[in-house]
Structures are given as structure tokens and as C-alpha cells.
Amino acid sequence: MNTLLENISLRRLLEQSLAQAAIANPHRETNPVRTIEDWCAYVERFAHRMPWQTMDIGEDASFFRRIDQNIGYFYFLLDQPLDALRDKGYIYPSLQYEPRVAAWLKAYNTAWGEWLSSPESWNEDYYQLALSDPLFELASDRYESPDNWHSWNDFFARKLRSPFTFHLSPLSVLATARLLSRRSRPRRSPIGLTCWAIVPIVRILPEVRRSISCWMSLIIIASICPAMERYWNAPRFKASMPEEVRSSGMKRRPGIAMCNAA
């Protein structure tokens, strides 16, 4: 098996997932992918596009919403519940949790992330788009100089202008996009990420720091993190990348690795 879609069962599951997505959202303006051929063209295009460029959701949408909807749509197509996967023990019976697809998604996202770390992924026009959206708060003086941003990931993981801006430790201080090091916490569940992300937020906001209810919520979340992480990292949820996928050249052309089927 050189590519995932040469597997008949995976092709059939993808067809079913796309059909379910078409039922959930029948509007072609916001759900244009209907066939495997559509999907292959879509993922090939997505691999070298900025997070807001793959699908037009309207000129009135904010920059943040365009990013959110474009990325969300990618997973919407693979996150439809399928009867054929209900007894597999996945955390949710959708195609994105099928081990071979999950391994492909991991490699695809890694390759896309590498491209988003390249100079090609950032320019003055992109900066102006982010500056125009108040949700990014770039008009404030809390972040480092934009001259330090040479890629999308430089911008997205931007540093604070000063380590004392929010009364944090003078150690390496980043925006919330990079709260955790991959090396230090290599397999953290979403619940665990939530727990670790709340701690700096509680520290930096005086009004939150004084809130007893917030602290109680933090204690509850911290108490359930270990149990949820054990559940998340159960063997049945761990997807290993097949040798065929590793050797398929997916890192260079992530869209081709799953779609180069006859």
C-alpha cells in the first residue's frame, strides 16, 4: 500500500464521511467538497495556503473568523460519525481517529507547520490583516516588535514585549499559543493542555486572581487531568504511522500522500 486511499475500506469510509458532511451542511458555498476527487484537490491546495485562504466565507467575516472557519472545515470533513467505526473503541467514531488516517493527519499537519515557519508564509499584507482584527490586540504595546516576525508561526507564537508586561517570570515568555514545550510534555491530552494553560492566565489577570470561583474551577480541572490523560493515552487511541506512509514522501508533498490513488 503506497498511499492510504489505495485501501478500498478507507476510500469507502472517506466517501461515507463526505456524504455525512454534505447532509450536515448541504450548502456548496460553505461545504464545496463532495467527492474523493474534490477532497484530494482540497488537501493539496490546503497544504500550501495560509489558514484563511482555502475557502471564502464572506467579506464581512473577521480575520480571526476566517482562520477559524477554514481550519475547522478541514476537520469537519473527517469528523463525521460513522456506523462502521462505532465499535472500534475510538474516542469518537469518526475517520480522523482511524489509526492510519490519524498518522497521516499528524504528518500532514507537521509538514504544513513547517511551511508556516517559512518566510513565504509572512508578509506585510498578512500583518495588516492581523492588525485590522482587534481580537489579536496588535495595536497594543504588549507584544514584541513585528520586525521579529519572519513567518506565520513567528507571529502566531509571538513574544511579549517585556517579561514583566503581565507580571510573569522573566524566563522565556510567549503568547498562549506556545505555553507548552513539545519536548517537556510530548503527549498531553487536550484536558491537560487546558489545565496548564489556565495557570498563566490566572497569574496575569488581577481580577481573575481574586476570583475564588476561578480558583475552584482550576482545582477541579487539575484533579481530573491525570485520569483524563490516562484515558486519552490508552493504547487503543495511539496511532502509529505505517512504514508505507513514512516512506511515501508525504513530508514534501503532504496532499499527495493520501490522494495519489488510481
Protein backbone atom coordinates (compact mmCIF):
# COMPACT_ATOMS: atom_id res chain seq x y z
CA MET A 1 0.00 0.00 0.00
CA ASN A 2 1.79 3.12 -1.23
CA THR A 3 -1.00 5.55 -0.37
CA LEU A 4 -3.87 5.41 2.08
CA LEU A 5 -6.60 5.71 -0.48
CA GLU A 6 -5.43 2.64 -2.32
CA ASN A 7 -7.07 0.83 0.58
CA ILE A 8 -10.65 0.11 -0.51
CA SER A 9 -12.06 0.23 3.02
CA LEU A 10 -10.51 3.65 3.70
CA ARG A 11 -11.82 5.01 0.41
CA ARG A 12 -15.29 3.79 1.34
CA LEU A 13 -15.04 5.36 4.80
CA LEU A 14 -13.96 8.67 3.31
CA GLU A 15 -16.87 8.59 0.87
CA GLN A 16 -19.24 7.97 3.78
CA SER A 17 -17.69 10.80 5.81
CA LEU A 18 -18.03 13.26 2.93
CA ALA A 19 -21.64 12.15 2.39
CA GLN A 20 -22.40 12.72 6.08
CA ALA A 21 -20.78 16.15 5.89
CA ALA A 22 -22.98 17.01 2.90
CA ILE A 23 -26.05 16.12 4.96
CA ALA A 24 -24.84 18.18 7.92
CA ASN A 25 -24.10 21.16 5.65
CA PRO A 26 -25.80 20.93 2.23
CA HIS A 27 -24.68 24.41 1.13
CA ARG A 28 -21.96 24.23 -1.51
CA GLU A 29 -20.78 27.76 -0.72
CA THR A 30 -19.57 26.66 2.70
CA ASN A 31 -19.17 22.93 2.01
CA PRO A 32 -17.83 22.51 -1.53
CA VAL A 33 -16.07 19.14 -1.04
CA ARG A 34 -18.41 16.30 -2.03
CA THR A 35 -16.29 13.60 -3.69
CA ILE A 36 -12.91 11.99 -3.11
CA GLU A 37 -11.58 13.90 -6.11
CA ASP A 38 -12.81 17.15 -4.53
CA TRP A 39 -11.18 16.21 -1.25
CA CYS A 40 -7.82 15.34 -2.82
CA ALA A 41 -7.73 18.66 -4.65
CA TYR A 42 -8.73 20.43 -1.42
CA VAL A 43 -5.99 18.91 0.78
CA GLU A 44 -3.37 19.51 -1.92
CA ARG A 45 -4.42 23.16 -2.06
CA PHE A 46 -4.62 23.48 1.74
CA ALA A 47 -1.04 22.26 2.22
CA HIS A 48 0.48 25.48 0.86
CA ARG A 49 -2.14 28.05 1.72
CA MET A 50 -2.45 30.39 4.65
CA PRO A 51 -5.01 29.36 7.29
CA TRP A 52 -7.65 31.75 5.94
CA GLN A 53 -7.17 31.30 2.19
CA THR A 54 -8.67 27.92 1.31
CA MET A 55 -12.35 28.82 1.42
CA ASP A 56 -14.15 32.14 1.11
CA ILE A 57 -16.67 32.58 3.91
CA GLY A 58 -17.64 36.15 3.09
CA GLU A 59 -16.08 39.58 3.04
CA ASP A 60 -17.86 40.57 6.25
CA ALA A 61 -16.16 37.86 8.32
CA SER A 62 -13.37 38.98 10.61
CA PHE A 63 -9.82 37.82 10.00
CA PHE A 64 -9.99 35.59 13.09
CA ARG A 65 -13.27 34.01 11.97
CA ARG A 66 -11.89 33.30 8.50
CA ILE A 67 -8.96 31.45 10.07
CA ASP A 68 -11.23 29.59 12.47
CA GLN A 69 -13.70 28.50 9.79
CA ASN A 70 -11.07 27.44 7.26
CA ILE A 71 -9.20 25.25 9.73
CA GLY A 72 -12.42 23.93 11.23
CA TYR A 73 -13.71 22.88 7.81
CA PHE A 74 -10.64 20.69 7.23
CA TYR A 75 -11.57 18.59 10.28
CA PHE A 76 -15.31 18.85 9.72
CA LEU A 77 -14.92 16.61 6.66
CA LEU A 78 -13.20 13.87 8.68
CA ASP A 79 -15.11 14.20 11.95
CA GLN A 80 -18.48 12.83 10.88
CA PRO A 81 -19.79 9.90 12.98
CA LEU A 82 -19.72 6.67 11.00
CA ASP A 83 -21.59 3.49 11.96
CA ALA A 84 -18.71 1.35 10.69
CA LEU A 85 -16.41 2.84 13.35
CA ARG A 86 -18.71 2.76 16.37
CA ASP A 87 -17.33 -0.49 17.78
CA LYS A 88 -13.65 0.27 17.22
CA GLY A 89 -13.04 1.79 20.64
CA TYR A 90 -12.10 5.20 19.26
CA ILE A 91 -12.75 8.28 21.36
CA TYR A 92 -15.30 9.26 18.66
CA PRO A 93 -16.42 7.09 15.72
CA SER A 94 -15.05 9.36 13.00
CA LEU A 95 -12.42 8.84 10.34
CA GLN A 96 -9.84 11.15 11.90
CA TYR A 97 -9.36 8.62 14.73
CA GLU A 98 -8.74 5.66 12.42
CA PRO A 99 -5.05 4.87 13.15
CA ARG A 100 -3.78 5.15 9.56
CA VAL A 101 -5.68 8.36 8.95
CA ALA A 102 -4.59 9.77 12.32
CA ALA A 103 -0.95 9.06 11.41
CA TRP A 104 -1.42 10.75 8.05
CA LEU A 105 -3.04 13.77 9.72
CA LYS A 106 -0.11 14.09 12.11
CA ALA A 107 2.40 14.03 9.25
CA TYR A 108 0.30 16.38 7.13
CA ASN A 109 -0.02 18.91 9.94
CA THR A 110 3.71 18.68 10.66
CA ALA A 111 4.52 19.40 7.01
CA TRP A 112 2.02 22.28 6.91
CA GLY A 113 3.52 23.64 10.11
CA GLU A 114 6.99 23.57 8.57
CA TRP A 115 5.69 25.57 5.63
CA LEU A 116 4.06 28.05 8.03
CA SER A 117 7.51 28.52 9.56
CA SER A 118 8.98 29.55 6.22
CA PRO A 119 9.42 33.18 5.06
CA GLU A 120 6.85 32.51 2.33
CA SER A 121 4.15 32.41 4.98
CA TRP A 122 4.50 36.02 6.13
CA ASN A 123 4.48 39.45 4.54
CA GLU A 124 3.26 42.98 5.17
CA ASP A 125 -0.22 42.27 3.78
CA TYR A 126 -0.71 39.40 6.23
CA TYR A 127 0.45 41.62 9.08
CA GLN A 128 -2.05 44.29 8.11
CA LEU A 129 -4.86 41.71 8.09
CA ALA A 130 -3.97 40.65 11.64
CA LEU A 131 -3.54 44.26 12.73
CA SER A 132 -7.03 45.10 11.48
CA ASP A 133 -8.66 42.48 13.75
CA PRO A 134 -8.90 43.73 17.36
CA LEU A 135 -9.00 40.14 18.64
CA PHE A 136 -5.26 39.88 18.01
CA GLU A 137 -4.61 43.06 20.02
CA LEU A 138 -1.66 44.03 17.86
CA ALA A 139 -2.43 47.73 18.28
CA SER A 140 -1.47 47.46 21.94
CA ASP A 141 2.11 47.67 23.17
CA ARG A 142 2.16 44.28 24.84
CA TYR A 143 3.88 42.30 22.08
CA GLU A 144 7.39 42.39 20.66
CA SER A 145 8.19 44.32 17.50
CA PRO A 146 6.66 42.92 14.29
CA ASP A 147 10.15 43.15 12.81
CA ASN A 148 10.86 39.89 14.65
CA TRP A 149 8.17 38.01 12.73
CA HIS A 150 9.51 36.36 9.61
CA SER A 151 6.88 33.62 9.28
CA TRP A 152 3.29 32.92 10.28
CA ASN A 153 4.47 30.84 13.22
CA ASP A 154 6.73 33.66 14.41
CA PHE A 155 3.64 35.86 14.52
CA PHE A 156 1.34 33.24 16.00
CA ALA A 157 3.79 32.38 18.80
CA ARG A 158 4.82 35.99 19.29
CA LYS A 159 6.62 37.02 22.44
CA LEU A 160 5.54 39.69 24.86
CA ARG A 161 7.39 42.98 24.60
CA SER A 162 8.57 42.63 28.17
CA PRO A 163 8.59 39.62 30.51
CA PHE A 164 7.08 41.91 33.13
CA THR A 165 4.14 43.03 31.00
CA PHE A 166 1.83 40.68 32.90
CA HIS A 167 3.99 40.20 35.98
CA LEU A 168 5.27 36.84 34.78
CA SER A 169 8.62 35.20 35.31
CA PRO A 170 11.46 36.84 33.33
CA LEU A 171 12.14 33.46 31.69
CA SER A 172 11.07 32.91 28.09
CA VAL A 173 7.57 34.39 27.92
CA LEU A 174 5.37 33.66 24.93
CA ALA A 175 1.78 34.24 23.93
CA THR A 176 -0.64 31.46 24.84
CA ALA A 177 -0.05 29.68 21.51
CA ARG A 178 3.21 28.25 22.88
CA LEU A 179 2.54 27.66 26.58
CA LEU A 180 3.97 24.15 26.50
CA SER A 181 7.17 22.72 25.13
CA ARG A 182 6.73 19.66 22.92
CA ARG A 183 9.84 18.13 24.43
CA SER A 184 8.78 18.59 28.01
CA ARG A 185 5.19 17.36 27.53
CA PRO A 186 5.28 15.13 24.43
CA ARG A 187 1.87 13.50 24.84
CA ARG A 188 -0.52 15.85 26.58
CA SER A 189 -4.25 15.44 26.28
CA PRO A 190 -6.49 18.43 25.46
CA ILE A 191 -7.70 18.36 29.08
CA GLY A 192 -4.12 18.57 30.27
CA LEU A 193 -3.44 21.46 27.92
CA THR A 194 -6.44 23.26 29.35
CA CYS A 195 -5.16 22.78 32.87
CA TRP A 196 -1.65 24.04 32.08
CA ALA A 197 -2.95 26.94 30.02
CA ILE A 198 -5.17 28.26 32.80
CA VAL A 199 -2.32 28.67 35.27
CA PRO A 200 -0.58 31.58 33.44
CA ILE A 201 -3.95 33.16 32.66
CA VAL A 202 -4.87 33.16 36.34
CA ARG A 203 -1.49 34.69 37.19
CA ILE A 204 -1.68 37.53 34.69
CA LEU A 205 -5.20 38.81 35.31
CA PRO A 206 -5.65 40.54 38.66
CA GLU A 207 -9.42 40.30 38.53
CA VAL A 208 -9.21 36.57 37.86
CA ARG A 209 -6.58 36.13 40.54
CA ARG A 210 -9.05 37.48 43.07
CA SER A 211 -11.84 35.22 41.92
CA ILE A 212 -12.48 32.31 44.26
CA SER A 213 -14.70 30.58 41.72
CA CYS A 214 -11.92 30.62 39.14
CA TRP A 215 -9.51 29.03 41.58
CA MET A 216 -12.05 26.36 42.43
CA SER A 217 -12.52 25.62 38.75
CA LEU A 218 -8.77 25.34 38.35
CA ILE A 219 -8.54 22.87 41.24
CA ILE A 220 -11.32 20.72 39.76
CA ILE A 221 -9.69 20.69 36.33
CA ALA A 222 -6.29 19.87 37.83
CA SER A 223 -7.79 16.97 39.76
CA ILE A 224 -9.31 15.30 36.71
CA CYS A 225 -6.33 15.87 34.40
CA PRO A 226 -4.39 12.72 35.36
CA ALA A 227 -7.40 10.45 34.92
CA MET A 228 -8.38 12.02 31.62
CA GLU A 229 -4.82 11.84 30.35
CA ARG A 230 -4.59 8.13 31.15
CA TYR A 231 -7.84 7.64 29.26
CA TRP A 232 -6.66 9.72 26.30
CA ASN A 233 -3.36 7.87 26.07
CA ALA A 234 -4.90 4.42 26.28
CA PRO A 235 -3.35 2.05 23.73
CA ARG A 236 -6.45 1.95 21.58
CA PHE A 237 -6.14 5.70 20.91
CA LYS A 238 -2.45 5.66 19.98
CA ALA A 239 -1.90 5.66 16.24
CA SER A 240 1.43 4.52 14.86
CA MET A 241 2.47 5.60 11.40
CA PRO A 242 2.80 2.64 8.99
CA GLU A 243 6.13 2.20 7.26
CA GLU A 244 4.45 2.69 3.89
CA VAL A 245 3.24 6.14 4.96
CA ARG A 246 6.62 7.15 6.38
CA SER A 247 8.35 6.25 3.12
CA SER A 248 5.77 7.77 0.79
CA GLY A 249 7.35 11.24 0.51
CA MET A 250 4.46 12.82 2.39
CA LYS A 251 6.66 15.32 4.19
CA ARG A 252 7.50 17.08 0.95
CA ARG A 253 4.03 16.90 -0.62
CA PRO A 254 1.55 16.20 2.18
CA GLY A 255 -1.50 16.39 -0.04
CA ILE A 256 -0.27 13.69 -2.40
CA ALA A 257 0.45 11.01 0.17
CA MET A 258 -3.19 10.21 0.79
CA CYS A 259 -4.58 11.07 -2.62
CA ASN A 260 -2.26 9.59 -5.19
CA ALA A 261 -4.58 6.66 -5.72
CA ALA A 262 -5.55 5.30 -9.08
